[in-house]
PDB file of N, CA and C in Angstrom:
ATOM      1  N   UNK A   1    -102.712 110.748  43.554  1.00  0.00           N
ATOM      2  CA  UNK A   1    -101.817 111.780  43.166  1.00  0.00           C
ATOM      3  C   UNK A   1    -101.812 111.916  41.635  1.00  0.00           C
ATOM      4  N   UNK A   2    -101.944 113.124  41.114  1.00  0.00           N
ATOM      5  CA  UNK A   2    -101.936 113.328  39.730  1.00  0.00           C
ATOM      6  C   UNK A   2    -100.494 113.174  39.130  1.00  0.00           C
ATOM      7  N   UNK A   3    -100.428 112.798  37.893  1.00  0.00           N
ATOM      8  CA  UNK A   3     -99.155 112.632  37.195  1.00  0.00           C
ATOM      9  C   UNK A   3     -98.462 113.991  37.053  1.00  0.00           C
ATOM     10  N   UNK A   4     -99.190 115.009  36.765  1.00  0.00           N
ATOM     11  CA  UNK A   4     -98.589 116.342  36.617  1.00  0.00           C
ATOM     12  C   UNK A   4     -99.679 117.419  37.056  1.00  0.00           C
ATOM     13  N   UNK A   5     -99.280 118.662  37.036  1.00  0.00           N
ATOM     14  CA  UNK A   5    -100.191 119.687  37.391  1.00  0.00           C
ATOM     15  C   UNK A   5    -101.203 119.959  36.279  1.00  0.00           C
ATOM     16  N   UNK A   6    -100.949 119.479  35.101  1.00  0.00           N
ATOM     17  CA  UNK A   6    -101.776 119.756  33.972  1.00  0.00           C
ATOM     18  C   UNK A   6    -102.933 118.779  33.760  1.00  0.00           C
ATOM     19  N   UNK A   7    -102.808 117.586  34.304  1.00  0.00           N
ATOM     20  CA  UNK A   7    -103.869 116.565  34.120  1.00  0.00           C
ATOM     21  C   UNK A   7    -104.302 115.988  35.407  1.00  0.00           C
ATOM     22  N   UNK A   8    -105.470 115.415  35.447  1.00  0.00           N
ATOM     23  CA  UNK A   8    -106.048 114.870  36.720  1.00  0.00           C
ATOM     24  C   UNK A   8    -105.737 113.404  36.918  1.00  0.00           C
ATOM     25  N   UNK A   9    -105.044 112.763  36.023  1.00  0.00           N
ATOM     26  CA  UNK A   9    -104.884 111.271  36.119  1.00  0.00           C
ATOM     27  C   UNK A   9    -103.783 110.879  37.007  1.00  0.00           C
ATOM     28  N   UNK A  10    -104.073 109.782  37.774  1.00  0.00           N
ATOM     29  CA  UNK A  10    -102.968 109.175  38.505  1.00  0.00           C
ATOM     30  C   UNK A  10    -102.259 108.191  37.546  1.00  0.00           C
ATOM     31  N   UNK A  11    -101.199 107.490  37.980  1.00  0.00           N
ATOM     32  CA  UNK A  11    -100.409 106.665  37.097  1.00  0.00           C
ATOM     33  C   UNK A  11    -101.265 105.538  36.484  1.00  0.00           C
ATOM     34  N   UNK A  12    -102.087 104.945  37.349  1.00  0.00           N
ATOM     35  CA  UNK A  12    -102.887 103.822  36.862  1.00  0.00           C
ATOM     36  C   UNK A  12    -103.922 104.303  35.798  1.00  0.00           C
ATOM     37  N   UNK A  13    -104.585 105.443  36.029  1.00  0.00           N
ATOM     38  CA  UNK A  13    -105.551 105.923  35.086  1.00  0.00           C
ATOM     39  C   UNK A  13    -104.827 106.408  33.801  1.00  0.00           C
ATOM     40  N   UNK A  14    -103.633 106.949  33.902  1.00  0.00           N
ATOM     41  CA  UNK A  14    -102.919 107.401  32.671  1.00  0.00           C
ATOM     42  C   UNK A  14    -102.554 106.197  31.869  1.00  0.00           C
ATOM     43  N   UNK A  15    -102.103 105.130  32.451  1.00  0.00           N
ATOM     44  CA  UNK A  15    -101.772 103.876  31.727  1.00  0.00           C
ATOM     45  C   UNK A  15    -103.032 103.357  31.096  1.00  0.00           C
ATOM     46  N   UNK A  16    -104.094 103.345  31.756  1.00  0.00           N
ATOM     47  CA  UNK A  16    -105.378 102.790  31.306  1.00  0.00           C
ATOM     48  C   UNK A  16    -105.874 103.549  30.077  1.00  0.00           C
ATOM     49  N   UNK A  17    -105.728 104.888  30.086  1.00  0.00           N
ATOM     50  CA  UNK A  17    -106.129 105.782  29.006  1.00  0.00           C
ATOM     51  C   UNK A  17    -105.275 105.450  27.803  1.00  0.00           C
ATOM     52  N   UNK A  18    -104.004 105.212  27.948  1.00  0.00           N
ATOM     53  CA  UNK A  18    -103.058 104.920  26.850  1.00  0.00           C
ATOM     54  C   UNK A  18    -103.501 103.607  26.256  1.00  0.00           C
ATOM     55  N   UNK A  19    -103.736 102.614  27.043  1.00  0.00           N
ATOM     56  CA  UNK A  19    -104.140 101.283  26.498  1.00  0.00           C
ATOM     57  C   UNK A  19    -105.465 101.317  25.739  1.00  0.00           C
ATOM     58  N   UNK A  20    -106.440 102.109  26.283  1.00  0.00           N
ATOM     59  CA  UNK A  20    -107.698 102.253  25.672  1.00  0.00           C
ATOM     60  C   UNK A  20    -107.564 103.015  24.289  1.00  0.00           C
ATOM     61  N   UNK A  21    -106.718 103.981  24.241  1.00  0.00           N
ATOM     62  CA  UNK A  21    -106.471 104.732  23.011  1.00  0.00           C
ATOM     63  C   UNK A  21    -105.840 103.851  21.958  1.00  0.00           C
ATOM     64  N   UNK A  22    -104.932 103.010  22.379  1.00  0.00           N
ATOM     65  CA  UNK A  22    -104.339 102.022  21.412  1.00  0.00           C
ATOM     66  C   UNK A  22    -105.371 101.054  20.918  1.00  0.00           C
ATOM     67  N   UNK A  23    -106.225 100.585  21.854  1.00  0.00           N
ATOM     68  CA  UNK A  23    -107.241  99.656  21.450  1.00  0.00           C
ATOM     69  C   UNK A  23    -108.308 100.278  20.495  1.00  0.00           C
ATOM     70  N   UNK A  24    -108.622 101.515  20.743  1.00  0.00           N
ATOM     71  CA  UNK A  24    -109.550 102.262  19.890  1.00  0.00           C
ATOM     72  C   UNK A  24    -108.928 102.412  18.471  1.00  0.00           C
ATOM     73  N   UNK A  25    -107.683 102.773  18.395  1.00  0.00           N
ATOM     74  CA  UNK A  25    -106.965 102.947  17.130  1.00  0.00           C
ATOM     75  C   UNK A  25    -106.971 101.623  16.347  1.00  0.00           C
ATOM     76  N   UNK A  26    -106.675 100.566  17.098  1.00  0.00           N
ATOM     77  CA  UNK A  26    -106.620  99.224  16.422  1.00  0.00           C
ATOM     78  C   UNK A  26    -108.006  98.846  15.874  1.00  0.00           C
ATOM     79  N   UNK A  27    -109.062  99.061  16.673  1.00  0.00           N
ATOM     80  CA  UNK A  27    -110.383  98.753  16.202  1.00  0.00           C
ATOM     81  C   UNK A  27    -110.811  99.614  14.919  1.00  0.00           C
ATOM     82  N   UNK A  28    -110.421 100.871  15.030  1.00  0.00           N
ATOM     83  CA  UNK A  28    -110.779 101.761  13.946  1.00  0.00           C
ATOM     84  C   UNK A  28    -110.017 101.373  12.673  1.00  0.00           C
ATOM     85  N   UNK A  29    -108.810 100.940  12.826  1.00  0.00           N
ATOM     86  CA  UNK A  29    -107.981 100.455  11.689  1.00  0.00           C
ATOM     87  C   UNK A  29    -108.568  99.237  11.043  1.00  0.00           C
ATOM     88  N   UNK A  30    -109.269  98.429  11.828  1.00  0.00           N
ATOM     89  CA  UNK A  30    -109.976  97.212  11.311  1.00  0.00           C
ATOM     90  C   UNK A  30    -111.350  97.486  10.795  1.00  0.00           C
ATOM     91  N   UNK A  31    -111.804  98.791  10.871  1.00  0.00           N
ATOM     92  CA  UNK A  31    -113.086  99.085  10.416  1.00  0.00           C
ATOM     93  C   UNK A  31    -114.235  98.770  11.398  1.00  0.00           C
ATOM     94  N   UNK A  32    -113.872  98.591  12.619  1.00  0.00           N
ATOM     95  CA  UNK A  32    -114.918  98.197  13.645  1.00  0.00           C
ATOM     96  C   UNK A  32    -115.207  99.407  14.507  1.00  0.00           C
ATOM     97  N   UNK A  33    -116.299  99.331  15.221  1.00  0.00           N
ATOM     98  CA  UNK A  33    -116.726 100.453  16.077  1.00  0.00           C
ATOM     99  C   UNK A  33    -115.841 100.520  17.292  1.00  0.00           C
ATOM    100  N   UNK A  34    -115.450 101.741  17.697  1.00  0.00           N
ATOM    101  CA  UNK A  34    -114.635 101.905  18.867  1.00  0.00           C
ATOM    102  C   UNK A  34    -115.418 102.763  19.920  1.00  0.00           C
ATOM    103  N   UNK A  35    -116.679 102.823  19.730  1.00  0.00           N
ATOM    104  CA  UNK A  35    -117.552 103.664  20.620  1.00  0.00           C
ATOM    105  C   UNK A  35    -117.432 103.270  22.093  1.00  0.00           C
ATOM    106  N   UNK A  36    -117.479 102.009  22.390  1.00  0.00           N
ATOM    107  CA  UNK A  36    -117.501 101.500  23.735  1.00  0.00           C
ATOM    108  C   UNK A  36    -116.149 101.786  24.427  1.00  0.00           C
ATOM    109  N   UNK A  37    -115.025 101.598  23.671  1.00  0.00           N
ATOM    110  CA  UNK A  37    -113.719 101.837  24.216  1.00  0.00           C
ATOM    111  C   UNK A  37    -113.557 103.372  24.482  1.00  0.00           C
ATOM    112  N   UNK A  38    -114.036 104.231  23.595  1.00  0.00           N
ATOM    113  CA  UNK A  38    -113.942 105.651  23.864  1.00  0.00           C
ATOM    114  C   UNK A  38    -114.774 106.116  25.020  1.00  0.00           C
ATOM    115  N   UNK A  39    -115.960 105.426  25.252  1.00  0.00           N
ATOM    116  CA  UNK A  39    -116.829 105.720  26.372  1.00  0.00           C
ATOM    117  C   UNK A  39    -116.111 105.344  27.669  1.00  0.00           C
ATOM    118  N   UNK A  40    -115.379 104.273  27.677  1.00  0.00           N
ATOM    119  CA  UNK A  40    -114.666 103.860  28.904  1.00  0.00           C
ATOM    120  C   UNK A  40    -113.570 104.907  29.226  1.00  0.00           C
ATOM    121  N   UNK A  41    -112.857 105.380  28.197  1.00  0.00           N
ATOM    122  CA  UNK A  41    -111.804 106.424  28.380  1.00  0.00           C
ATOM    123  C   UNK A  41    -112.452 107.688  28.973  1.00  0.00           C
ATOM    124  N   UNK A  42    -113.592 108.068  28.355  1.00  0.00           N
ATOM    125  CA  UNK A  42    -114.285 109.285  28.801  1.00  0.00           C
ATOM    126  C   UNK A  42    -114.746 109.172  30.242  1.00  0.00           C
ATOM    127  N   UNK A  43    -115.154 108.015  30.652  1.00  0.00           N
ATOM    128  CA  UNK A  43    -115.584 107.820  32.028  1.00  0.00           C
ATOM    129  C   UNK A  43    -114.434 107.949  32.984  1.00  0.00           C
ATOM    130  N   UNK A  44    -113.263 107.424  32.597  1.00  0.00           N
ATOM    131  CA  UNK A  44    -112.050 107.536  33.432  1.00  0.00           C
ATOM    132  C   UNK A  44    -111.724 109.001  33.588  1.00  0.00           C
ATOM    133  N   UNK A  45    -111.752 109.676  32.468  1.00  0.00           N
ATOM    134  CA  UNK A  45    -111.461 111.112  32.482  1.00  0.00           C
ATOM    135  C   UNK A  45    -112.347 111.884  33.464  1.00  0.00           C
ATOM    136  N   UNK A  46    -113.684 111.641  33.370  1.00  0.00           N
ATOM    137  CA  UNK A  46    -114.676 112.299  34.185  1.00  0.00           C
ATOM    138  C   UNK A  46    -114.452 111.978  35.719  1.00  0.00           C
ATOM    139  N   UNK A  47    -114.212 110.753  36.009  1.00  0.00           N
ATOM    140  CA  UNK A  47    -113.974 110.349  37.424  1.00  0.00           C
ATOM    141  C   UNK A  47    -112.694 111.069  38.000  1.00  0.00           C
ATOM    142  N   UNK A  48    -111.636 111.072  37.114  1.00  0.00           N
ATOM    143  CA  UNK A  48    -110.386 111.679  37.598  1.00  0.00           C
ATOM    144  C   UNK A  48    -110.567 113.143  37.803  1.00  0.00           C
ATOM    145  N   UNK A  49    -111.299 113.815  36.856  1.00  0.00           N
ATOM    146  CA  UNK A  49    -111.540 115.251  37.026  1.00  0.00           C
ATOM    147  C   UNK A  49    -112.428 115.611  38.234  1.00  0.00           C
ATOM    148  N   UNK A  50    -113.421 114.761  38.467  1.00  0.00           N
ATOM    149  CA  UNK A  50    -114.293 114.949  39.711  1.00  0.00           C
ATOM    150  C   UNK A  50    -113.485 114.857  40.975  1.00  0.00           C
ATOM    151  N   UNK A  51    -112.581 113.824  41.030  1.00  0.00           N
ATOM    152  CA  UNK A  51    -111.763 113.641  42.156  1.00  0.00           C
ATOM    153  C   UNK A  51    -110.796 114.804  42.406  1.00  0.00           C
ATOM    154  N   UNK A  52    -110.114 115.241  41.367  1.00  0.00           N
ATOM    155  CA  UNK A  52    -109.259 116.412  41.507  1.00  0.00           C
ATOM    156  C   UNK A  52    -109.941 117.704  41.840  1.00  0.00           C
ATOM    157  N   UNK A  53    -111.161 117.882  41.269  1.00  0.00           N
ATOM    158  CA  UNK A  53    -111.942 119.075  41.651  1.00  0.00           C
ATOM    159  C   UNK A  53    -112.356 119.015  43.148  1.00  0.00           C
ATOM    160  N   UNK A  54    -112.703 117.839  43.635  1.00  0.00           N
ATOM    161  CA  UNK A  54    -113.042 117.739  45.049  1.00  0.00           C
ATOM    162  C   UNK A  54    -111.867 117.999  45.943  1.00  0.00           C
ATOM    163  N   UNK A  55    -110.710 117.539  45.511  1.00  0.00           N
ATOM    164  CA  UNK A  55    -109.481 117.856  46.306  1.00  0.00           C
ATOM    165  C   UNK A  55    -109.095 119.277  46.311  1.00  0.00           C
ATOM    166  N   UNK A  56    -109.325 119.958  45.199  1.00  0.00           N
ATOM    167  CA  UNK A  56    -109.047 121.414  45.072  1.00  0.00           C
ATOM    168  C   UNK A  56    -110.042 122.178  45.977  1.00  0.00           C
ATOM    169  N   UNK A  57    -111.295 121.762  46.005  1.00  0.00           N
ATOM    170  CA  UNK A  57    -112.349 122.407  46.861  1.00  0.00           C
ATOM    171  C   UNK A  57    -111.964 122.208  48.306  1.00  0.00           C
ATOM    172  N   UNK A  58    -111.537 121.027  48.614  1.00  0.00           N
ATOM    173  CA  UNK A  58    -111.128 120.782  50.096  1.00  0.00           C
ATOM    174  C   UNK A  58    -109.877 121.590  50.447  1.00  0.00           C
ATOM    175  N   UNK A  59    -108.951 121.759  49.579  1.00  0.00           N
ATOM    176  CA  UNK A  59    -107.828 122.631  49.858  1.00  0.00           C
ATOM    177  C   UNK A  59    -108.180 124.094  50.033  1.00  0.00           C
ATOM    178  N   UNK A  60    -109.116 124.493  49.165  1.00  0.00           N
ATOM    179  CA  UNK A  60    -109.546 125.902  49.257  1.00  0.00           C
ATOM    180  C   UNK A  60    -110.332 126.164  50.582  1.00  0.00           C
ATOM    181  N   UNK A  61    -111.126 125.151  50.957  1.00  0.00           N
ATOM    182  CA  UNK A  61    -111.898 125.270  52.218  1.00  0.00           C
ATOM    183  C   UNK A  61    -110.966 125.283  53.450  1.00  0.00           C
ATOM    184  N   UNK A  62    -109.930 124.483  53.372  1.00  0.00           N
ATOM    185  CA  UNK A  62    -109.003 124.422  54.494  1.00  0.00           C
ATOM    186  C   UNK A  62    -108.185 125.720  54.540  1.00  0.00           C
ATOM    187  N   UNK A  63    -107.838 126.289  53.405  1.00  0.00           N
ATOM    188  CA  UNK A  63    -107.141 127.577  53.394  1.00  0.00           C
ATOM    189  C   UNK A  63    -107.963 128.638  53.939  1.00  0.00           C
ATOM    190  N   UNK A  64    -109.288 128.694  53.602  1.00  0.00           N
ATOM    191  CA  UNK A  64    -110.178 129.676  54.127  1.00  0.00           C
ATOM    192  C   UNK A  64    -110.329 129.584  55.661  1.00  0.00           C
ATOM    193  N   UNK A  65    -110.436 128.323  56.112  1.00  0.00           N
ATOM    194  CA  UNK A  65    -110.570 128.111  57.579  1.00  0.00           C
ATOM    195  C   UNK A  65    -109.303 128.518  58.281  1.00  0.00           C
ATOM    196  N   UNK A  66    -108.146 128.222  57.687  1.00  0.00           N
ATOM    197  CA  UNK A  66    -106.868 128.545  58.331  1.00  0.00           C
ATOM    198  C   UNK A  66    -106.610 130.084  58.399  1.00  0.00           C
ATOM    199  N   UNK A  67    -107.084 130.729  57.365  1.00  0.00           N
ATOM    200  CA  UNK A  67    -106.822 132.195  57.346  1.00  0.00           C
ATOM    201  C   UNK A  67    -108.042 133.032  57.851  1.00  0.00           C
ATOM    202  N   UNK A  68    -109.034 132.318  58.302  1.00  0.00           N
ATOM    203  CA  UNK A  68    -110.199 133.015  58.886  1.00  0.00           C
ATOM    204  C   UNK A  68    -111.039 133.863  57.918  1.00  0.00           C
ATOM    205  N   UNK A  69    -111.149 133.471  56.677  1.00  0.00           N
ATOM    206  CA  UNK A  69    -111.887 134.197  55.755  1.00  0.00           C
ATOM    207  C   UNK A  69    -113.212 133.507  55.353  1.00  0.00           C
TER     208      UNK A  69
END
């Protein structure tokens, strides 16, 4: 279940994104590369969006079937 209608993250993914953002900021502050941390966050975003898109497609298909269109 998504946290809100505006984003695709569930509670666990939302918390993970926040932790990764803090880690990236800390690494950047130390002058180190944060590329790997940002890639992890991007992957979480991609998976969450794919899941929510699949759910939306399933709802649309069920609606079509129910209304005979």
